[in-house]
């Protein structure tokens, strides 16, 4: 969700990282990340699945984002 905040003469664009409520498959984390970065949700999901083929803490990061994101 993007909101505009005005601080004096400067117009600042703030962004909040939120889970998607409409375009969710499991928890809405990938769709929320896609919305935040301006990508398509399918692209982020595909990147996540491909990253799972590599060694690393992908599932732990997904669970942490699931908990952290509103």
Protein backbone atom coordinates (compact mmCIF):
# COMPACT_ATOMS: atom_id res chain seq x y z
CA UNK A 1 0.00 0.00 0.00
CA UNK A 2 1.46 3.33 -1.04
CA UNK A 3 0.55 6.53 0.72
CA UNK A 4 1.69 10.10 0.34
CA UNK A 5 2.96 12.03 3.31
CA UNK A 6 3.84 15.70 3.22
CA UNK A 7 6.68 16.92 5.42
CA UNK A 8 7.07 20.67 4.99
CA UNK A 9 7.91 21.37 1.34
CA UNK A 10 8.85 17.75 0.53
CA UNK A 11 6.30 15.23 -0.74
CA UNK A 12 7.46 11.81 0.47
CA UNK A 13 6.14 8.50 -0.90
CA UNK A 14 6.03 5.86 1.83
CA UNK A 15 5.46 2.18 1.18
CA UNK A 16 4.20 -0.48 3.50
CA UNK A 17 4.94 -4.13 2.86
CA UNK A 18 1.61 -5.97 3.16
CA UNK A 19 0.28 -9.37 2.19
CA UNK A 20 -2.17 -9.44 -0.68
CA UNK A 21 -5.77 -10.18 0.29
CA UNK A 22 -7.11 -10.61 -3.26
CA UNK A 23 -4.33 -12.36 -5.15
CA UNK A 24 -3.16 -14.92 -2.61
CA UNK A 25 -2.28 -18.55 -3.22
CA UNK A 26 -1.01 -19.63 0.20
CA UNK A 27 -0.54 -16.58 2.42
CA UNK A 28 -0.31 -13.66 -0.02
CA UNK A 29 3.40 -13.08 0.63
CA UNK A 30 4.58 -13.42 -2.98
CA UNK A 31 1.69 -11.29 -4.28
CA UNK A 32 2.41 -8.67 -1.61
CA UNK A 33 6.09 -8.56 -2.57
CA UNK A 34 5.12 -8.32 -6.24
CA UNK A 35 2.81 -5.39 -5.54
CA UNK A 36 5.50 -3.67 -3.46
CA UNK A 37 8.10 -3.91 -6.24
CA UNK A 38 5.67 -3.38 -9.14
CA UNK A 39 6.07 -6.89 -10.56
CA UNK A 40 3.54 -9.54 -11.52
CA UNK A 41 2.68 -12.03 -8.74
CA UNK A 42 3.33 -14.95 -11.08
CA UNK A 43 6.92 -13.75 -11.59
CA UNK A 44 7.63 -13.59 -7.85
CA UNK A 45 6.07 -17.02 -7.30
CA UNK A 46 8.16 -18.50 -10.11
CA UNK A 47 11.33 -16.93 -8.68
CA UNK A 48 10.49 -18.35 -5.24
CA UNK A 49 9.93 -21.86 -6.62
CA UNK A 50 13.16 -21.70 -8.64
CA UNK A 51 15.06 -20.44 -5.59
CA UNK A 52 13.86 -23.49 -3.67
CA UNK A 53 15.98 -25.62 -6.00
CA UNK A 54 19.06 -23.91 -4.54
CA UNK A 55 20.34 -24.55 -1.03
CA UNK A 56 19.36 -21.90 1.48
CA UNK A 57 16.76 -20.76 4.00
CA UNK A 58 13.98 -19.89 1.51
CA UNK A 59 11.18 -21.48 3.54
CA UNK A 60 12.37 -19.85 6.75
CA UNK A 61 12.42 -16.44 5.03
CA UNK A 62 8.92 -17.08 3.62
CA UNK A 63 7.62 -17.98 7.09
CA UNK A 64 9.27 -14.91 8.59
CA UNK A 65 7.70 -12.67 5.93
CA UNK A 66 4.35 -14.37 6.56
CA UNK A 67 4.60 -13.39 10.23
CA UNK A 68 6.09 -9.91 9.72
CA UNK A 69 3.88 -8.66 6.86
CA UNK A 70 0.48 -7.30 7.88
